[in-house]
N, C-alpha and C. Protein backbone atom coordinates (compact mmCIF):
# COMPACT_ATOMS: atom_id res chain seq x y z
N MET A 1 0.46 -10.10 10.87
CA MET A 1 -0.93 -10.37 10.00
C MET A 1 -0.81 -11.76 9.99
N GLU A 2 -2.23 -12.49 10.43
CA GLU A 2 -2.44 -13.66 10.25
C GLU A 2 -2.59 -14.21 8.59
N CYS A 3 -2.51 -15.26 8.20
CA CYS A 3 -2.58 -15.83 6.96
C CYS A 3 -4.03 -15.52 6.42
N LYS A 4 -5.08 -15.81 7.52
CA LYS A 4 -6.70 -15.49 7.10
C LYS A 4 -6.98 -14.47 6.69
N LYS A 5 -6.17 -13.47 7.13
CA LYS A 5 -6.48 -12.02 7.07
C LYS A 5 -6.12 -11.43 5.57
N ALA A 6 -4.59 -12.16 5.73
CA ALA A 6 -4.00 -11.73 4.19
C ALA A 6 -4.79 -12.21 3.29
N ILE A 7 -5.08 -13.37 3.03
CA ILE A 7 -5.99 -13.88 1.97
C ILE A 7 -7.24 -13.25 1.74
N ARG A 8 -7.77 -13.05 2.96
CA ARG A 8 -8.83 -12.12 2.46
C ARG A 8 -8.77 -10.68 1.69
N LEU A 9 -7.51 -10.29 2.03
CA LEU A 9 -6.88 -8.66 1.04
C LEU A 9 -6.46 -9.03 -0.04
N ILE A 10 -6.28 -10.27 -0.33
CA ILE A 10 -5.57 -10.57 -1.80
C ILE A 10 -6.45 -9.54 -2.85
N ASN A 11 -7.83 -9.91 -2.73
CA ASN A 11 -8.47 -8.95 -3.89
C ASN A 11 -8.37 -7.51 -3.79
N ARG A 12 -8.51 -7.11 -2.60
CA ARG A 12 -8.49 -5.71 -2.66
C ARG A 12 -7.10 -5.37 -2.99
N PHE A 13 -5.92 -5.97 -2.47
CA PHE A 13 -4.41 -5.41 -2.89
C PHE A 13 -4.82 -5.57 -4.74
N LEU A 14 -5.07 -6.28 -5.07
CA LEU A 14 -5.00 -6.60 -6.63
C LEU A 14 -5.84 -5.45 -7.08
N ASP A 15 -6.70 -4.77 -6.57
CA ASP A 15 -7.50 -3.56 -6.73
C ASP A 15 -7.31 -2.35 -6.52
N ASP A 16 -5.86 -2.23 -5.74
CA ASP A 16 -5.18 -1.16 -5.18
C ASP A 16 -5.84 -0.28 -4.15
N ASP A 17 -6.72 -1.44 -3.26
CA ASP A 17 -8.01 -0.90 -2.52
C ASP A 17 -7.59 -1.14 -0.76
N LEU A 18 -6.08 -0.90 -0.60
CA LEU A 18 -5.84 -1.11 0.80
C LEU A 18 -5.43 0.06 1.42
N GLU A 19 -5.78 0.32 2.61
CA GLU A 19 -5.40 1.67 3.53
C GLU A 19 -3.83 1.28 3.71
N THR A 20 -3.32 2.52 3.79
CA THR A 20 -1.64 2.40 4.01
C THR A 20 -1.30 1.48 5.18
N GLU A 21 -2.02 1.54 6.53
CA GLU A 21 -1.44 0.22 7.35
C GLU A 21 -1.83 -1.13 6.76
N GLU A 22 -2.64 -1.39 6.31
CA GLU A 22 -3.27 -2.71 5.98
C GLU A 22 -2.33 -3.07 4.71
N LEU A 23 -1.76 -2.11 3.85
CA LEU A 23 -0.93 -2.45 2.51
C LEU A 23 0.35 -2.82 3.05
N GLN A 24 0.86 -1.95 4.27
CA GLN A 24 1.91 -2.14 4.74
C GLN A 24 2.23 -3.39 5.42
N ASP A 25 0.92 -4.11 6.33
CA ASP A 25 1.10 -5.16 6.86
C ASP A 25 0.98 -6.48 5.67
N PHE A 26 0.31 -6.30 4.64
CA PHE A 26 0.06 -7.28 3.71
C PHE A 26 1.32 -7.63 2.87
N ILE A 27 1.87 -6.38 2.80
CA ILE A 27 3.27 -6.51 1.89
C ILE A 27 4.12 -7.38 2.96
N GLU A 28 4.56 -6.82 4.23
CA GLU A 28 5.36 -7.53 4.63
C GLU A 28 4.99 -9.27 5.06
N HIS A 29 3.71 -9.42 5.01
CA HIS A 29 3.17 -10.95 5.11
C HIS A 29 3.49 -11.56 4.28
N ILE A 30 2.97 -11.22 2.95
CA ILE A 30 3.56 -11.51 1.46
C ILE A 30 4.90 -12.28 1.30
N GLU A 31 5.65 -11.17 1.76
CA GLU A 31 6.87 -11.24 1.56
C GLU A 31 7.58 -12.40 2.32
N SER A 32 7.00 -12.64 3.48
CA SER A 32 7.32 -13.49 4.46
C SER A 32 6.91 -14.73 4.44
N CYS A 33 5.62 -14.94 3.81
CA CYS A 33 4.77 -16.34 3.81
C CYS A 33 4.64 -16.88 2.18
N GLU A 34 5.59 -17.93 2.40
CA GLU A 34 5.34 -18.62 0.95
C GLU A 34 3.99 -19.16 0.60
N GLY A 35 3.25 -19.50 1.40
CA GLY A 35 1.84 -19.93 1.20
C GLY A 35 1.14 -18.84 0.69
N CYS A 36 0.90 -17.63 1.40
CA CYS A 36 -0.06 -16.65 1.14
C CYS A 36 0.88 -16.07 -0.21
N ASN A 37 2.09 -16.05 -0.54
CA ASN A 37 2.63 -15.61 -1.83
C ASN A 37 2.07 -16.51 -3.05
N GLU A 38 1.90 -17.81 -2.75
CA GLU A 38 1.57 -18.66 -3.59
C GLU A 38 0.13 -18.25 -3.93
N GLU A 39 -0.79 -18.01 -2.69
CA GLU A 39 -2.23 -17.54 -3.12
C GLU A 39 -2.36 -16.18 -4.06
N LEU A 40 -1.48 -15.34 -3.46
CA LEU A 40 -1.55 -14.04 -4.38
C LEU A 40 -1.22 -14.50 -5.95
N THR A 41 -0.27 -15.13 -6.15
CA THR A 41 0.24 -15.52 -7.42
C THR A 41 -1.03 -16.14 -7.97
N ILE A 42 -1.85 -17.06 -7.47
CA ILE A 42 -2.92 -17.62 -8.48
C ILE A 42 -3.77 -16.52 -8.55
N ALA A 43 -4.38 -15.83 -7.72
CA ALA A 43 -5.38 -14.91 -7.67
C ALA A 43 -5.03 -13.87 -8.98
N PHE A 44 -3.75 -13.37 -8.82
CA PHE A 44 -3.14 -12.52 -9.72
C PHE A 44 -3.25 -13.17 -11.26
N LEU A 45 -2.91 -14.57 -11.35
CA LEU A 45 -3.21 -15.26 -12.39
C LEU A 45 -4.62 -15.10 -13.14
N VAL A 46 -5.70 -15.51 -12.06
CA VAL A 46 -6.87 -15.83 -12.44
C VAL A 46 -7.28 -14.12 -12.85
N LYS A 47 -6.95 -13.30 -12.29
CA LYS A 47 -7.64 -11.94 -12.52
C LYS A 47 -6.85 -11.15 -13.67
N GLU A 48 -5.41 -11.45 -13.84
CA GLU A 48 -5.16 -10.64 -15.09
C GLU A 48 -4.64 -11.61 -16.09
N GLY A 49 -4.61 -12.94 -15.77
CA GLY A 49 -3.79 -13.88 -16.94
C GLY A 49 -5.16 -14.20 -17.93
N VAL A 50 -6.11 -14.36 -16.95
CA VAL A 50 -7.06 -14.79 -18.19
C VAL A 50 -7.74 -13.72 -19.02
N ALA A 51 -7.67 -12.70 -18.45
CA ALA A 51 -7.92 -11.41 -19.50
C ALA A 51 -6.78 -11.05 -20.48
N ARG A 52 -5.77 -11.53 -20.25
CA ARG A 52 -4.75 -11.11 -21.23
C ARG A 52 -4.72 -12.66 -22.21
N LEU A 53 -5.37 -13.82 -21.61
CA LEU A 53 -4.94 -14.65 -22.64
C LEU A 53 -6.17 -14.76 -23.38
N GLU A 54 -7.35 -14.37 -23.14
CA GLU A 54 -8.58 -13.97 -24.12
C GLU A 54 -8.33 -13.20 -25.07
N ASN A 55 -7.55 -12.09 -24.87
CA ASN A 55 -7.17 -11.11 -25.66
C ASN A 55 -5.76 -11.56 -26.58
N GLY A 56 -5.48 -13.17 -26.53
CA GLY A 56 -4.16 -13.23 -27.28
C GLY A 56 -2.84 -12.75 -26.63
N ASN A 57 -3.00 -12.21 -25.79
CA ASN A 57 -1.38 -11.31 -25.28
C ASN A 57 -0.31 -12.46 -24.45
N VAL A 58 1.07 -12.48 -24.78
CA VAL A 58 1.55 -13.20 -24.06
C VAL A 58 1.71 -12.28 -22.74
N PHE A 59 2.36 -13.01 -21.96
CA PHE A 59 2.53 -12.32 -20.50
C PHE A 59 3.56 -13.00 -19.77
N ASP A 60 4.51 -12.58 -18.70
CA ASP A 60 5.09 -13.32 -17.92
C ASP A 60 4.53 -13.12 -16.83
N LEU A 61 3.99 -13.89 -16.12
CA LEU A 61 3.28 -13.63 -14.79
C LEU A 61 4.42 -13.48 -13.63
N ASN A 62 5.43 -13.97 -13.49
CA ASN A 62 6.11 -13.48 -12.60
C ASN A 62 6.63 -12.02 -12.36
N LYS A 63 7.07 -11.72 -13.82
CA LYS A 63 7.40 -10.06 -14.07
C LYS A 63 6.48 -9.49 -13.57
N GLU A 64 4.99 -9.80 -14.24
CA GLU A 64 3.82 -8.83 -13.61
C GLU A 64 3.76 -8.64 -12.27
N LEU A 65 4.00 -9.78 -11.69
CA LEU A 65 3.28 -10.01 -10.33
C LEU A 65 4.53 -9.21 -9.51
N ASP A 66 5.83 -9.09 -9.99
CA ASP A 66 6.99 -8.56 -9.11
C ASP A 66 6.82 -7.07 -9.31
N GLN A 67 6.12 -6.45 -10.67
CA GLN A 67 5.69 -5.25 -10.98
C GLN A 67 4.78 -4.62 -9.81
N THR A 68 3.64 -5.46 -9.96
CA THR A 68 2.57 -5.23 -8.97
C THR A 68 2.97 -4.85 -7.52
N MET A 69 4.03 -5.98 -7.14
CA MET A 69 4.18 -5.80 -5.71
C MET A 69 5.18 -4.09 -5.62
N SER A 70 6.27 -4.11 -6.60
CA SER A 70 7.08 -3.05 -6.79
C SER A 70 6.29 -1.71 -6.34
N ARG A 71 5.11 -1.73 -7.10
CA ARG A 71 4.27 -0.38 -7.35
C ARG A 71 3.74 -0.33 -6.15
N ALA A 72 3.35 -1.45 -5.27
CA ALA A 72 2.58 -1.33 -3.94
C ALA A 72 3.85 -0.93 -3.00
N SER A 73 4.77 -1.41 -3.33
CA SER A 73 5.77 -0.98 -2.08
C SER A 73 6.11 0.49 -2.51
N HIS A 74 6.34 0.96 -3.42
CA HIS A 74 6.48 2.21 -4.11
C HIS A 74 5.26 3.35 -3.47
N SER A 75 4.05 2.90 -3.46
CA SER A 75 2.86 3.71 -3.01
C SER A 75 2.91 3.62 -1.63
N LEU A 76 3.32 2.50 -0.78
CA LEU A 76 3.40 2.61 0.36
C LEU A 76 4.48 3.55 1.17
N LYS A 77 5.49 3.91 0.53
CA LYS A 77 6.56 4.60 0.76
C LYS A 77 6.10 6.22 0.33
N VAL A 78 5.41 6.31 -0.62
CA VAL A 78 4.79 7.65 -0.77
C VAL A 78 3.82 8.15 0.33
N ARG A 79 2.75 6.98 0.62
CA ARG A 79 1.71 7.44 1.46
C ARG A 79 2.43 7.67 2.66
N GLU A 80 3.60 6.87 3.08
CA GLU A 80 3.86 7.34 4.38
C GLU A 80 4.75 8.60 4.63
N GLY A 81 5.49 8.97 3.43
CA GLY A 81 5.78 10.28 3.21
C GLY A 81 5.29 11.23 3.39
N MET A 82 4.12 11.05 2.60
CA MET A 82 2.95 12.30 2.36
C MET A 82 2.15 12.18 4.15
N GLN A 83 2.11 11.01 4.90
CA GLN A 83 1.88 11.00 6.41
C GLN A 83 2.47 11.95 7.22
N TRP A 84 3.83 11.69 6.97
CA TRP A 84 4.80 12.87 7.66
C TRP A 84 4.89 13.86 7.43
N LEU A 85 4.37 14.21 6.22
CA LEU A 85 4.42 15.50 5.92
C LEU A 85 3.06 16.42 6.17
N TYR A 86 2.25 15.83 6.43
CA TYR A 86 0.96 16.09 7.14
C TYR A 86 1.39 16.39 8.53
N TYR A 87 2.04 15.29 9.26
CA TYR A 87 1.94 15.64 10.44
C TYR A 87 3.06 17.11 11.18
N VAL A 88 4.21 16.84 10.05
CA VAL A 88 5.05 18.16 10.26
C VAL A 88 4.43 19.47 9.88
N ILE A 89 3.34 19.60 8.97
CA ILE A 89 2.44 20.81 8.81
C ILE A 89 1.79 20.87 10.28
N ILE A 90 1.13 19.79 10.57
CA ILE A 90 0.19 20.45 11.49
C ILE A 90 0.99 20.93 12.48
N GLY A 91 2.36 20.16 12.92
CA GLY A 91 2.74 20.90 14.01
C GLY A 91 3.42 21.99 13.78
N LEU A 92 3.58 22.32 12.52
CA LEU A 92 3.89 23.75 12.64
C LEU A 92 2.63 24.72 12.66
N ILE A 93 1.71 24.37 12.43
CA ILE A 93 0.50 25.16 12.34
C ILE A 93 0.53 25.49 14.00
N VAL A 94 0.27 24.06 14.83
CA VAL A 94 0.35 24.42 16.49
C VAL A 94 1.11 25.24 16.80
N LEU A 95 2.48 25.30 16.50
CA LEU A 95 3.60 26.14 16.84
C LEU A 95 3.17 27.69 16.68
N GLY A 96 2.89 27.84 15.19
CA GLY A 96 2.41 29.15 14.66
C GLY A 96 1.06 29.58 15.86
N VAL A 97 0.29 28.87 15.88
CA VAL A 97 -1.06 29.60 16.86
C VAL A 97 -0.29 29.76 18.13
N ALA A 98 0.30 28.75 18.72
CA ALA A 98 1.02 29.02 19.97
C ALA A 98 1.96 30.26 20.02
N PHE A 99 2.52 30.71 19.15
CA PHE A 99 3.38 31.79 18.79
C PHE A 99 2.46 33.02 19.01
N ILE A 100 1.45 33.05 18.22
CA ILE A 100 0.90 34.23 18.10
C ILE A 100 -0.34 34.28 19.69
N VAL A 101 -0.57 33.40 20.27
CA VAL A 101 -1.07 33.49 21.57
C VAL A 101 -0.37 34.17 22.31
N LEU A 102 1.05 33.72 22.40
CA LEU A 102 2.00 34.15 23.40
C LEU A 102 2.42 35.70 22.96
N ILE A 103 2.42 35.96 21.74
CA ILE A 103 2.49 37.31 21.52
C ILE A 103 1.08 38.19 22.01
N LEU A 104 -0.25 37.97 21.97
CA LEU A 104 -1.03 38.63 22.01
C LEU A 104 -1.15 38.63 23.76
N ILE A 105 -0.71 37.55 24.32
CA ILE A 105 -0.88 37.68 25.84
C ILE A 105 0.41 38.71 26.39
N PHE A 106 1.40 39.03 25.78
CA PHE A 106 2.23 40.11 26.20
C PHE A 106 2.05 41.28 25.69
N LEU A 107 1.37 41.44 24.66
CA LEU A 107 1.13 42.78 23.84
C LEU A 107 0.03 43.67 25.12
């Protein structure tokens, strides 16, 4: 993923609004690109930090952002697992239909 695209996706990432493939590419890029990681940190500070400071809440930006990235990685794994399960179910349905067709042909 190019930096321009990653930067455009930051707000959607913070809103948890990325599709599975976008999320995977985004996480991989953010983890490997120091500049985009800094952009994410700034956007996170603006979005989450300002609201919390207005309420008088103290927070640890690095810890909060690490937790957000961790939740996104976990969400990605769950999504990928669900996608794999979907393919298995579709495969089983196709095999079942093929088996029924074969039985009907030989009856």
